[in-house]
């Protein structure tokens, strides 16, 4: 089994930046894809970005050009660098492995 632990959330002003981290442990050799999802109050959880083995990445249209997903294989860590943050980016952000394993989530609040 894979375990995921996120960190890096917090309160940031509009236009600011944050970097989320997700450390994987356990059966990390089984991981083929890592992703970041988010869920805002009253909304469904949505995929923000993912990265596949081999390095290809995908982003939801609303974050393209502002967010970057990257993986450090040696550290079993996936990052989400978020820039030019908007109030509508406010949500709980979840790390995901292989579409089935979830972290506990980290709150990101964008507000002045």
PDB file of N, CA and C in Angstrom:
ATOM      1  N   UNK A   1       0.827  -1.194   0.000  1.00  0.00           N
ATOM      2  CA  UNK A   1       0.000   0.000   0.000  1.00  0.00           C
ATOM      3  C   UNK A   1       0.867   1.253   0.000  1.00  0.00           C
ATOM      4  N   UNK A   2       0.270   2.313  -0.495  1.00  0.00           N
ATOM      5  CA  UNK A   2       0.930   3.609  -0.562  1.00  0.00           C
ATOM      6  C   UNK A   2       0.269   4.550   0.438  1.00  0.00           C
ATOM      7  N   UNK A   3       1.083   5.318   1.130  1.00  0.00           N
ATOM      8  CA  UNK A   3       0.580   6.364   2.013  1.00  0.00           C
ATOM      9  C   UNK A   3       1.085   7.715   1.484  1.00  0.00           C
ATOM     10  N   UNK A   4       0.232   8.731   1.621  1.00  0.00           N
ATOM     11  CA  UNK A   4       0.548  10.062   1.114  1.00  0.00           C
ATOM     12  C   UNK A   4       0.343  11.101   2.215  1.00  0.00           C
ATOM     13  N   UNK A   5       1.292  12.010   2.346  1.00  0.00           N
ATOM     14  CA  UNK A   5       1.184  13.079   3.338  1.00  0.00           C
ATOM     15  C   UNK A   5       1.478  14.411   2.650  1.00  0.00           C
ATOM     16  N   UNK A   6       0.474  15.294   2.672  1.00  0.00           N
ATOM     17  CA  UNK A   6       0.613  16.613   2.048  1.00  0.00           C
ATOM     18  C   UNK A   6       1.069  17.654   3.066  1.00  0.00           C
ATOM     19  N   UNK A   7       1.668  18.713   2.560  1.00  0.00           N
ATOM     20  CA  UNK A   7       2.017  19.864   3.384  1.00  0.00           C
ATOM     21  C   UNK A   7       2.129  21.081   2.479  1.00  0.00           C
ATOM     22  N   UNK A   8       2.169  22.257   3.099  1.00  0.00           N
ATOM     23  CA  UNK A   8       2.431  23.470   2.344  1.00  0.00           C
ATOM     24  C   UNK A   8       1.251  24.391   2.140  1.00  0.00           C
ATOM     25  N   UNK A   9       0.075  23.988   2.590  1.00  0.00           N
ATOM     26  CA  UNK A   9      -1.073  24.865   2.434  1.00  0.00           C
ATOM     27  C   UNK A   9      -1.001  26.056   3.372  1.00  0.00           C
ATOM     28  N   UNK A  10      -1.951  26.972   3.200  1.00  0.00           N
ATOM     29  CA  UNK A  10      -1.993  28.136   4.066  1.00  0.00           C
ATOM     30  C   UNK A  10      -2.828  29.244   3.480  1.00  0.00           C
ATOM     31  N   UNK A  11      -2.686  30.415   4.073  1.00  0.00           N
ATOM     32  CA  UNK A  11      -3.406  31.605   3.635  1.00  0.00           C
ATOM     33  C   UNK A  11      -2.465  32.479   2.814  1.00  0.00           C
ATOM     34  N   UNK A  12      -2.924  32.892   1.649  1.00  0.00           N
ATOM     35  CA  UNK A  12      -2.100  33.721   0.773  1.00  0.00           C
ATOM     36  C   UNK A  12      -2.992  34.765   0.117  1.00  0.00           C
ATOM     37  N   UNK A  13      -2.424  35.922  -0.171  1.00  0.00           N
ATOM     38  CA  UNK A  13      -3.181  36.985  -0.835  1.00  0.00           C
ATOM     39  C   UNK A  13      -3.310  36.700  -2.322  1.00  0.00           C
ATOM     40  N   UNK A  14      -4.344  37.229  -2.945  1.00  0.00           N
ATOM     41  CA  UNK A  14      -4.477  37.085  -4.403  1.00  0.00           C
ATOM     42  C   UNK A  14      -3.210  37.563  -5.112  1.00  0.00           C
ATOM     43  N   UNK A  15      -2.800  36.782  -6.109  1.00  0.00           N
ATOM     44  CA  UNK A  15      -1.572  37.086  -6.821  1.00  0.00           C
ATOM     45  C   UNK A  15      -0.342  36.434  -6.223  1.00  0.00           C
ATOM     46  N   UNK A  16      -0.480  35.850  -5.043  1.00  0.00           N
ATOM     47  CA  UNK A  16       0.643  35.227  -4.369  1.00  0.00           C
ATOM     48  C   UNK A  16       0.918  33.815  -4.849  1.00  0.00           C
ATOM     49  N   UNK A  17       1.879  33.178  -4.175  1.00  0.00           N
ATOM     50  CA  UNK A  17       2.316  31.837  -4.557  1.00  0.00           C
ATOM     51  C   UNK A  17       2.391  30.933  -3.346  1.00  0.00           C
ATOM     52  N   UNK A  18       2.225  29.651  -3.609  1.00  0.00           N
ATOM     53  CA  UNK A  18       2.405  28.613  -2.604  1.00  0.00           C
ATOM     54  C   UNK A  18       2.962  27.386  -3.299  1.00  0.00           C
ATOM     55  N   UNK A  19       3.690  26.581  -2.538  1.00  0.00           N
ATOM     56  CA  UNK A  19       4.128  25.290  -3.056  1.00  0.00           C
ATOM     57  C   UNK A  19       3.636  24.188  -2.124  1.00  0.00           C
ATOM     58  N   UNK A  20       2.873  23.276  -2.689  1.00  0.00           N
ATOM     59  CA  UNK A  20       2.414  22.111  -1.952  1.00  0.00           C
ATOM     60  C   UNK A  20       3.371  20.947  -2.184  1.00  0.00           C
ATOM     61  N   UNK A  21       3.538  20.140  -1.150  1.00  0.00           N
ATOM     62  CA  UNK A  21       4.383  18.947  -1.241  1.00  0.00           C
ATOM     63  C   UNK A  21       3.575  17.739  -0.812  1.00  0.00           C
ATOM     64  N   UNK A  22       3.892  16.612  -1.412  1.00  0.00           N
ATOM     65  CA  UNK A  22       3.241  15.350  -1.061  1.00  0.00           C
ATOM     66  C   UNK A  22       4.317  14.268  -1.058  1.00  0.00           C
ATOM     67  N   UNK A  23       4.532  13.685   0.114  1.00  0.00           N
ATOM     68  CA  UNK A  23       5.533  12.630   0.249  1.00  0.00           C
ATOM     69  C   UNK A  23       4.828  11.277   0.253  1.00  0.00           C
ATOM     70  N   UNK A  24       5.288  10.406  -0.602  1.00  0.00           N
ATOM     71  CA  UNK A  24       4.739   9.054  -0.682  1.00  0.00           C
ATOM     72  C   UNK A  24       5.636   8.081   0.076  1.00  0.00           C
ATOM     73  N   UNK A  25       5.011   7.098   0.700  1.00  0.00           N
ATOM     74  CA  UNK A  25       5.751   6.054   1.396  1.00  0.00           C
ATOM     75  C   UNK A  25       5.029   4.734   1.190  1.00  0.00           C
ATOM     76  N   UNK A  26       5.671   3.671   1.622  1.00  0.00           N
ATOM     77  CA  UNK A  26       5.092   2.352   1.429  1.00  0.00           C
ATOM     78  C   UNK A  26       5.518   1.765   0.089  1.00  0.00           C
ATOM     79  N   UNK A  27       4.590   1.207  -0.630  1.00  0.00           N
ATOM     80  CA  UNK A  27       4.888   0.523  -1.898  1.00  0.00           C
ATOM     81  C   UNK A  27       4.992   1.532  -3.043  1.00  0.00           C
ATOM     82  N   UNK A  28       5.966   2.421  -2.953  1.00  0.00           N
ATOM     83  CA  UNK A  28       6.091   3.515  -3.926  1.00  0.00           C
ATOM     84  C   UNK A  28       6.420   2.983  -5.322  1.00  0.00           C
ATOM     85  N   UNK A  29       6.981   1.770  -5.390  1.00  0.00           N
ATOM     86  CA  UNK A  29       7.323   1.198  -6.691  1.00  0.00           C
ATOM     87  C   UNK A  29       6.077   0.888  -7.517  1.00  0.00           C
ATOM     88  N   UNK A  30       4.912   0.881  -6.884  1.00  0.00           N
ATOM     89  CA  UNK A  30       3.665   0.607  -7.599  1.00  0.00           C
ATOM     90  C   UNK A  30       3.035   1.870  -8.200  1.00  0.00           C
ATOM     91  N   UNK A  31       3.611   3.011  -7.898  1.00  0.00           N
ATOM     92  CA  UNK A  31       3.010   4.279  -8.340  1.00  0.00           C
ATOM     93  C   UNK A  31       3.285   4.518  -9.816  1.00  0.00           C
ATOM     94  N   UNK A  32       2.227   4.716 -10.587  1.00  0.00           N
ATOM     95  CA  UNK A  32       2.332   5.045 -12.005  1.00  0.00           C
ATOM     96  C   UNK A  32       1.919   6.473 -12.300  1.00  0.00           C
ATOM     97  N   UNK A  33       1.108   7.023 -11.440  1.00  0.00           N
ATOM     98  CA  UNK A  33       0.694   8.402 -11.629  1.00  0.00           C
ATOM     99  C   UNK A  33       0.467   9.068 -10.279  1.00  0.00           C
ATOM    100  N   UNK A  34       0.834  10.316 -10.191  1.00  0.00           N
ATOM    101  CA  UNK A  34       0.588  11.137  -9.009  1.00  0.00           C
ATOM    102  C   UNK A  34      -0.164  12.374  -9.451  1.00  0.00           C
ATOM    103  N   UNK A  35      -1.080  12.794  -8.601  1.00  0.00           N
ATOM    104  CA  UNK A  35      -1.873  13.948  -8.996  1.00  0.00           C
ATOM    105  C   UNK A  35      -2.289  14.789  -7.815  1.00  0.00           C
ATOM    106  N   UNK A  36      -2.741  15.982  -8.133  1.00  0.00           N
ATOM    107  CA  UNK A  36      -3.324  16.892  -7.153  1.00  0.00           C
ATOM    108  C   UNK A  36      -4.762  17.164  -7.550  1.00  0.00           C
ATOM    109  N   UNK A  37      -5.646  17.022  -6.581  1.00  0.00           N
ATOM    110  CA  UNK A  37      -7.052  17.338  -6.741  1.00  0.00           C
ATOM    111  C   UNK A  37      -7.395  18.440  -5.741  1.00  0.00           C
ATOM    112  N   UNK A  38      -8.539  19.066  -5.943  1.00  0.00           N
ATOM    113  CA  UNK A  38      -9.004  20.046  -4.968  1.00  0.00           C
ATOM    114  C   UNK A  38     -10.514  19.977  -4.855  1.00  0.00           C
ATOM    115  N   UNK A  39     -10.982  20.364  -3.680  1.00  0.00           N
ATOM    116  CA  UNK A  39     -12.421  20.398  -3.431  1.00  0.00           C
ATOM    117  C   UNK A  39     -12.759  21.659  -2.668  1.00  0.00           C
ATOM    118  N   UNK A  40     -13.539  22.507  -3.304  1.00  0.00           N
ATOM    119  CA  UNK A  40     -14.013  23.732  -2.678  1.00  0.00           C
ATOM    120  C   UNK A  40     -15.349  23.456  -1.994  1.00  0.00           C
ATOM    121  N   UNK A  41     -15.707  24.274  -1.011  1.00  0.00           N
ATOM    122  CA  UNK A  41     -16.983  24.056  -0.309  1.00  0.00           C
ATOM    123  C   UNK A  41     -18.158  24.024  -1.276  1.00  0.00           C
ATOM    124  N   UNK A  42     -18.977  22.988  -1.162  1.00  0.00           N
ATOM    125  CA  UNK A  42     -20.158  22.873  -2.002  1.00  0.00           C
ATOM    126  C   UNK A  42     -19.903  22.414  -3.417  1.00  0.00           C
ATOM    127  N   UNK A  43     -18.649  22.075  -3.712  1.00  0.00           N
ATOM    128  CA  UNK A  43     -18.316  21.640  -5.067  1.00  0.00           C
ATOM    129  C   UNK A  43     -17.731  20.239  -5.048  1.00  0.00           C
ATOM    130  N   UNK A  44     -17.746  19.619  -6.218  1.00  0.00           N
ATOM    131  CA  UNK A  44     -17.164  18.289  -6.342  1.00  0.00           C
ATOM    132  C   UNK A  44     -15.639  18.384  -6.406  1.00  0.00           C
ATOM    133  N   UNK A  45     -14.997  17.303  -6.008  1.00  0.00           N
ATOM    134  CA  UNK A  45     -13.547  17.242  -6.102  1.00  0.00           C
ATOM    135  C   UNK A  45     -13.155  17.199  -7.586  1.00  0.00           C
ATOM    136  N   UNK A  46     -12.136  17.995  -7.947  1.00  0.00           N
ATOM    137  CA  UNK A  46     -11.709  18.035  -9.330  1.00  0.00           C
ATOM    138  C   UNK A  46     -10.200  17.818  -9.437  1.00  0.00           C
ATOM    139  N   UNK A  47      -9.805  17.230 -10.568  1.00  0.00           N
ATOM    140  CA  UNK A  47      -8.387  17.064 -10.851  1.00  0.00           C
ATOM    141  C   UNK A  47      -7.794  18.429 -11.194  1.00  0.00           C
ATOM    142  N   UNK A  48      -6.682  18.750 -10.540  1.00  0.00           N
ATOM    143  CA  UNK A  48      -5.966  19.991 -10.839  1.00  0.00           C
ATOM    144  C   UNK A  48      -4.828  19.704 -11.811  1.00  0.00           C
ATOM    145  N   UNK A  49      -4.026  18.697 -11.490  1.00  0.00           N
ATOM    146  CA  UNK A  49      -2.886  18.346 -12.342  1.00  0.00           C
ATOM    147  C   UNK A  49      -2.442  16.944 -11.989  1.00  0.00           C
ATOM    148  N   UNK A  50      -1.878  16.243 -12.970  1.00  0.00           N
ATOM    149  CA  UNK A  50      -1.249  14.972 -12.652  1.00  0.00           C
ATOM    150  C   UNK A  50       0.003  14.783 -13.495  1.00  0.00           C
ATOM    151  N   UNK A  51       0.825  13.855 -13.037  1.00  0.00           N
ATOM    152  CA  UNK A  51       2.079  13.548 -13.713  1.00  0.00           C
ATOM    153  C   UNK A  51       2.193  12.037 -13.788  1.00  0.00           C
ATOM    154  N   UNK A  52       2.503  11.550 -14.992  1.00  0.00           N
ATOM    155  CA  UNK A  52       2.563  10.119 -15.221  1.00  0.00           C
ATOM    156  C   UNK A  52       4.010   9.650 -15.241  1.00  0.00           C
ATOM    157  N   UNK A  53       4.221   8.364 -15.048  1.00  0.00           N
ATOM    158  CA  UNK A  53       5.562   7.801 -15.232  1.00  0.00           C
ATOM    159  C   UNK A  53       6.022   8.130 -16.644  1.00  0.00           C
ATOM    160  N   UNK A  54       7.198   8.659 -16.747  1.00  0.00           N
ATOM    161  CA  UNK A  54       7.691   9.134 -18.031  1.00  0.00           C
ATOM    162  C   UNK A  54       7.677  10.645 -18.093  1.00  0.00           C
ATOM    163  N   UNK A  55       6.908  11.255 -17.170  1.00  0.00           N
ATOM    164  CA  UNK A  55       6.981  12.694 -17.015  1.00  0.00           C
ATOM    165  C   UNK A  55       5.895  13.520 -17.667  1.00  0.00           C
ATOM    166  N   UNK A  56       4.990  12.898 -18.403  1.00  0.00           N
ATOM    167  CA  UNK A  56       3.948  13.710 -19.037  1.00  0.00           C
ATOM    168  C   UNK A  56       2.999  14.256 -17.977  1.00  0.00           C
ATOM    169  N   UNK A  57       2.514  15.451 -18.225  1.00  0.00           N
ATOM    170  CA  UNK A  57       1.675  16.146 -17.261  1.00  0.00           C
ATOM    171  C   UNK A  57       0.359  16.588 -17.898  1.00  0.00           C
ATOM    172  N   UNK A  58      -0.634  16.764 -17.047  1.00  0.00           N
ATOM    173  CA  UNK A  58      -1.937  17.261 -17.480  1.00  0.00           C
ATOM    174  C   UNK A  58      -2.421  18.288 -16.463  1.00  0.00           C
ATOM    175  N   UNK A  59      -3.118  19.301 -16.948  1.00  0.00           N
ATOM    176  CA  UNK A  59      -3.639  20.358 -16.083  1.00  0.00           C
ATOM    177  C   UNK A  59      -5.085  20.665 -16.456  1.00  0.00           C
ATOM    178  N   UNK A  60      -5.861  21.006 -15.452  1.00  0.00           N
ATOM    179  CA  UNK A  60      -7.183  21.540 -15.734  1.00  0.00           C
ATOM    180  C   UNK A  60      -6.998  22.930 -16.345  1.00  0.00           C
ATOM    181  N   UNK A  61      -7.877  23.295 -17.239  1.00  0.00           N
ATOM    182  CA  UNK A  61      -7.707  24.550 -17.985  1.00  0.00           C
ATOM    183  C   UNK A  61      -7.557  25.766 -17.070  1.00  0.00           C
ATOM    184  N   UNK A  62      -8.251  25.767 -15.952  1.00  0.00           N
ATOM    185  CA  UNK A  62      -8.275  26.953 -15.094  1.00  0.00           C
ATOM    186  C   UNK A  62      -6.936  27.244 -14.418  1.00  0.00           C
ATOM    187  N   UNK A  63      -6.007  26.286 -14.426  1.00  0.00           N
ATOM    188  CA  UNK A  63      -4.709  26.516 -13.765  1.00  0.00           C
ATOM    189  C   UNK A  63      -3.547  26.525 -14.749  1.00  0.00           C
ATOM    190  N   UNK A  64      -3.810  26.273 -16.004  1.00  0.00           N
ATOM    191  CA  UNK A  64      -2.721  26.243 -16.995  1.00  0.00           C
ATOM    192  C   UNK A  64      -2.009  27.591 -17.037  1.00  0.00           C
ATOM    193  N   UNK A  65      -0.688  27.509 -17.007  1.00  0.00           N
ATOM    194  CA  UNK A  65       0.116  28.724 -17.008  1.00  0.00           C
ATOM    195  C   UNK A  65       0.359  29.307 -15.633  1.00  0.00           C
ATOM    196  N   UNK A  66      -0.355  28.805 -14.644  1.00  0.00           N
ATOM    197  CA  UNK A  66      -0.184  29.320 -13.271  1.00  0.00           C
ATOM    198  C   UNK A  66       0.369  28.257 -12.315  1.00  0.00           C
ATOM    199  N   UNK A  67      -0.001  27.013 -12.520  1.00  0.00           N
ATOM    200  CA  UNK A  67       0.427  25.918 -11.642  1.00  0.00           C
ATOM    201  C   UNK A  67       1.390  25.005 -12.395  1.00  0.00           C
ATOM    202  N   UNK A  68       2.317  24.426 -11.653  1.00  0.00           N
ATOM    203  CA  UNK A  68       3.247  23.461 -12.218  1.00  0.00           C
ATOM    204  C   UNK A  68       3.369  22.264 -11.294  1.00  0.00           C
ATOM    205  N   UNK A  69       3.194  21.080 -11.852  1.00  0.00           N
ATOM    206  CA  UNK A  69       3.379  19.856 -11.082  1.00  0.00           C
ATOM    207  C   UNK A  69       4.743  19.276 -11.436  1.00  0.00           C
ATOM    208  N   UNK A  70       5.435  18.786 -10.413  1.00  0.00           N
ATOM    209  CA  UNK A  70       6.759  18.211 -10.640  1.00  0.00           C
ATOM    210  C   UNK A  70       6.997  17.106  -9.625  1.00  0.00           C
ATOM    211  N   UNK A  71       7.847  16.166 -10.001  1.00  0.00           N
ATOM    212  CA  UNK A  71       8.122  15.019  -9.147  1.00  0.00           C
ATOM    213  C   UNK A  71       9.616  14.908  -8.878  1.00  0.00           C
ATOM    214  N   UNK A  72       9.962  14.627  -7.636  1.00  0.00           N
ATOM    215  CA  UNK A  72      11.333  14.295  -7.265  1.00  0.00           C
ATOM    216  C   UNK A  72      11.318  12.819  -6.901  1.00  0.00           C
ATOM    217  N   UNK A  73      11.724  11.983  -7.832  1.00  0.00           N
ATOM    218  CA  UNK A  73      11.627  10.544  -7.644  1.00  0.00           C
ATOM    219  C   UNK A  73      12.502  10.082  -6.487  1.00  0.00           C
ATOM    220  N   UNK A  74      13.681  10.674  -6.348  1.00  0.00           N
ATOM    221  CA  UNK A  74      14.600  10.269  -5.279  1.00  0.00           C
ATOM    222  C   UNK A  74      14.007  10.521  -3.896  1.00  0.00           C
ATOM    223  N   UNK A  75      13.163  11.533  -3.792  1.00  0.00           N
ATOM    224  CA  UNK A  75      12.548  11.882  -2.510  1.00  0.00           C
ATOM    225  C   UNK A  75      11.116  11.367  -2.397  1.00  0.00           C
ATOM    226  N   UNK A  76      10.651  10.651  -3.415  1.00  0.00           N
ATOM    227  CA  UNK A  76       9.270  10.153  -3.419  1.00  0.00           C
ATOM    228  C   UNK A  76       8.282  11.278  -3.134  1.00  0.00           C
ATOM    229  N   UNK A  77       8.519  12.403  -3.752  1.00  0.00           N
ATOM    230  CA  UNK A  77       7.734  13.609  -3.472  1.00  0.00           C
ATOM    231  C   UNK A  77       7.217  14.221  -4.766  1.00  0.00           C
ATOM    232  N   UNK A  78       5.983  14.654  -4.729  1.00  0.00           N
ATOM    233  CA  UNK A  78       5.404  15.404  -5.840  1.00  0.00           C
ATOM    234  C   UNK A  78       5.037  16.791  -5.318  1.00  0.00           C
ATOM    235  N   UNK A  79       5.289  17.796  -6.133  1.00  0.00           N
ATOM    236  CA  UNK A  79       5.053  19.180  -5.754  1.00  0.00           C
ATOM    237  C   UNK A  79       3.985  19.802  -6.657  1.00  0.00           C
ATOM    238  N   UNK A  80       3.312  20.783  -6.115  1.00  0.00           N
ATOM    239  CA  UNK A  80       2.434  21.616  -6.927  1.00  0.00           C
ATOM    240  C   UNK A  80       2.820  23.062  -6.636  1.00  0.00           C
ATOM    241  N   UNK A  81       3.503  23.681  -7.585  1.00  0.00           N
ATOM    242  CA  UNK A  81       3.870  25.086  -7.465  1.00  0.00           C
ATOM    243  C   UNK A  81       2.719  25.913  -8.006  1.00  0.00           C
ATOM    244  N   UNK A  82       2.160  26.754  -7.158  1.00  0.00           N
ATOM    245  CA  UNK A  82       0.994  27.548  -7.532  1.00  0.00           C
ATOM    246  C   UNK A  82       1.370  29.025  -7.509  1.00  0.00           C
ATOM    247  N   UNK A  83       1.135  29.706  -8.608  1.00  0.00           N
ATOM    248  CA  UNK A  83       1.441  31.127  -8.727  1.00  0.00           C
ATOM    249  C   UNK A  83       0.204  31.870  -9.204  1.00  0.00           C
ATOM    250  N   UNK A  84       0.263  33.182  -9.085  1.00  0.00           N
ATOM    251  CA  UNK A  84      -0.861  34.037  -9.508  1.00  0.00           C
ATOM    252  C   UNK A  84      -2.180  33.507  -8.954  1.00  0.00           C
ATOM    253  N   UNK A  85      -2.162  33.193  -7.680  1.00  0.00           N
ATOM    254  CA  UNK A  85      -3.340  32.573  -7.067  1.00  0.00           C
ATOM    255  C   UNK A  85      -4.528  33.520  -7.053  1.00  0.00           C
ATOM    256  N   UNK A  86      -5.698  32.919  -7.204  1.00  0.00           N
ATOM    257  CA  UNK A  86      -6.960  33.642  -7.244  1.00  0.00           C
ATOM    258  C   UNK A  86      -7.866  33.155  -6.118  1.00  0.00           C
ATOM    259  N   UNK A  87      -8.811  33.969  -5.689  1.00  0.00           N
ATOM    260  CA  UNK A  87      -9.736  33.500  -4.641  1.00  0.00           C
ATOM    261  C   UNK A  87     -10.441  32.205  -5.021  1.00  0.00           C
ATOM    262  N   UNK A  88     -10.702  32.009  -6.299  1.00  0.00           N
ATOM    263  CA  UNK A  88     -11.384  30.775  -6.717  1.00  0.00           C
ATOM    264  C   UNK A  88     -10.502  29.534  -6.641  1.00  0.00           C
ATOM    265  N   UNK A  89      -9.223  29.714  -6.310  1.00  0.00           N
ATOM    266  CA  UNK A  89      -8.346  28.569  -6.064  1.00  0.00           C
ATOM    267  C   UNK A  89      -8.487  28.051  -4.639  1.00  0.00           C
ATOM    268  N   UNK A  90      -9.229  28.758  -3.819  1.00  0.00           N
ATOM    269  CA  UNK A  90      -9.435  28.329  -2.433  1.00  0.00           C
ATOM    270  C   UNK A  90     -10.116  26.975  -2.391  1.00  0.00           C
ATOM    271  N   UNK A  91      -9.503  26.036  -1.689  1.00  0.00           N
ATOM    272  CA  UNK A  91     -10.029  24.668  -1.614  1.00  0.00           C
ATOM    273  C   UNK A  91      -9.124  23.844  -0.700  1.00  0.00           C
ATOM    274  N   UNK A  92      -9.586  22.652  -0.396  1.00  0.00           N
ATOM    275  CA  UNK A  92      -8.709  21.647   0.198  1.00  0.00           C
ATOM    276  C   UNK A  92      -8.058  20.894  -0.961  1.00  0.00           C
ATOM    277  N   UNK A  93      -6.749  20.832  -0.926  1.00  0.00           N
ATOM    278  CA  UNK A  93      -5.983  20.175  -1.987  1.00  0.00           C
ATOM    279  C   UNK A  93      -5.549  18.797  -1.497  1.00  0.00           C
ATOM    280  N   UNK A  94      -5.795  17.803  -2.335  1.00  0.00           N
ATOM    281  CA  UNK A  94      -5.494  16.413  -2.004  1.00  0.00           C
ATOM    282  C   UNK A  94      -4.477  15.839  -2.981  1.00  0.00           C
ATOM    283  N   UNK A  95      -3.550  15.099  -2.448  1.00  0.00           N
ATOM    284  CA  UNK A  95      -2.613  14.340  -3.264  1.00  0.00           C
ATOM    285  C   UNK A  95      -3.237  12.973  -3.565  1.00  0.00           C
ATOM    286  N   UNK A  96      -2.950  12.460  -4.739  1.00  0.00           N
ATOM    287  CA  UNK A  96      -3.523  11.176  -5.152  1.00  0.00           C
ATOM    288  C   UNK A  96      -2.474  10.347  -5.875  1.00  0.00           C
ATOM    289  N   UNK A  97      -2.501   9.045  -5.613  1.00  0.00           N
ATOM    290  CA  UNK A  97      -1.612   8.116  -6.314  1.00  0.00           C
ATOM    291  C   UNK A  97      -2.451   7.053  -7.011  1.00  0.00           C
ATOM    292  N   UNK A  98      -2.188   6.861  -8.280  1.00  0.00           N
ATOM    293  CA  UNK A  98      -2.848   5.800  -9.059  1.00  0.00           C
ATOM    294  C   UNK A  98      -4.363   5.898  -9.033  1.00  0.00           C
ATOM    295  N   UNK A  99      -4.869   7.089  -8.848  1.00  0.00           N
ATOM    296  CA  UNK A  99      -6.304   7.366  -8.855  1.00  0.00           C
ATOM    297  C   UNK A  99      -7.083   6.725  -7.717  1.00  0.00           C
ATOM    298  N   UNK A 100      -6.384   6.029  -6.784  1.00  0.00           N
ATOM    299  CA  UNK A 100      -7.124   5.337  -5.747  1.00  0.00           C
ATOM    300  C   UNK A 100      -6.677   5.668  -4.331  1.00  0.00           C
ATOM    301  N   UNK A 101      -5.476   6.179  -4.154  1.00  0.00           N
ATOM    302  CA  UNK A 101      -4.956   6.450  -2.817  1.00  0.00           C
ATOM    303  C   UNK A 101      -4.912   7.961  -2.591  1.00  0.00           C
ATOM    304  N   UNK A 102      -5.430   8.384  -1.441  1.00  0.00           N
ATOM    305  CA  UNK A 102      -5.539   9.801  -1.139  1.00  0.00           C
ATOM    306  C   UNK A 102      -4.753  10.187   0.110  1.00  0.00           C
ATOM    307  N   UNK A 103      -4.249  11.409   0.099  1.00  0.00           N
ATOM    308  CA  UNK A 103      -3.714  11.993   1.305  1.00  0.00           C
ATOM    309  C   UNK A 103      -4.835  12.612   2.122  1.00  0.00           C
ATOM    310  N   UNK A 104      -4.450  13.239   3.230  1.00  0.00           N
ATOM    311  CA  UNK A 104      -5.445  13.789   4.142  1.00  0.00           C
ATOM    312  C   UNK A 104      -5.932  15.164   3.719  1.00  0.00           C
ATOM    313  N   UNK A 105      -5.223  15.810   2.823  1.00  0.00           N
ATOM    314  CA  UNK A 105      -5.619  17.119   2.322  1.00  0.00           C
ATOM    315  C   UNK A 105      -4.937  18.258   3.059  1.00  0.00           C
ATOM    316  N   UNK A 106      -4.768  19.359   2.366  1.00  0.00           N
ATOM    317  CA  UNK A 106      -4.203  20.560   2.955  1.00  0.00           C
ATOM    318  C   UNK A 106      -4.997  21.761   2.449  1.00  0.00           C
ATOM    319  N   UNK A 107      -5.340  22.655   3.356  1.00  0.00           N
ATOM    320  CA  UNK A 107      -6.195  23.789   3.019  1.00  0.00           C
ATOM    321  C   UNK A 107      -5.380  24.907   2.373  1.00  0.00           C
ATOM    322  N   UNK A 108      -5.888  25.408   1.261  1.00  0.00           N
ATOM    323  CA  UNK A 108      -5.331  26.586   0.608  1.00  0.00           C
ATOM    324  C   UNK A 108      -6.421  27.650   0.577  1.00  0.00           C
ATOM    325  N   UNK A 109      -6.131  28.801   1.156  1.00  0.00           N
ATOM    326  CA  UNK A 109      -7.088  29.903   1.181  1.00  0.00           C
ATOM    327  C   UNK A 109      -6.447  31.122   0.536  1.00  0.00           C
ATOM    328  N   UNK A 110      -7.109  31.647  -0.490  1.00  0.00           N
ATOM    329  CA  UNK A 110      -6.616  32.825  -1.195  1.00  0.00           C
ATOM    330  C   UNK A 110      -7.565  33.971  -0.881  1.00  0.00           C
ATOM    331  N   UNK A 111      -7.083  34.909  -0.099  1.00  0.00           N
ATOM    332  CA  UNK A 111      -7.951  36.000   0.358  1.00  0.00           C
ATOM    333  C   UNK A 111      -7.106  37.182   0.781  1.00  0.00           C
ATOM    334  N   UNK A 112      -7.665  38.367   0.593  1.00  0.00           N
ATOM    335  CA  UNK A 112      -6.987  39.578   1.061  1.00  0.00           C
ATOM    336  C   UNK A 112      -7.474  39.961   2.450  1.00  0.00           C
TER     337      UNK A 112
END
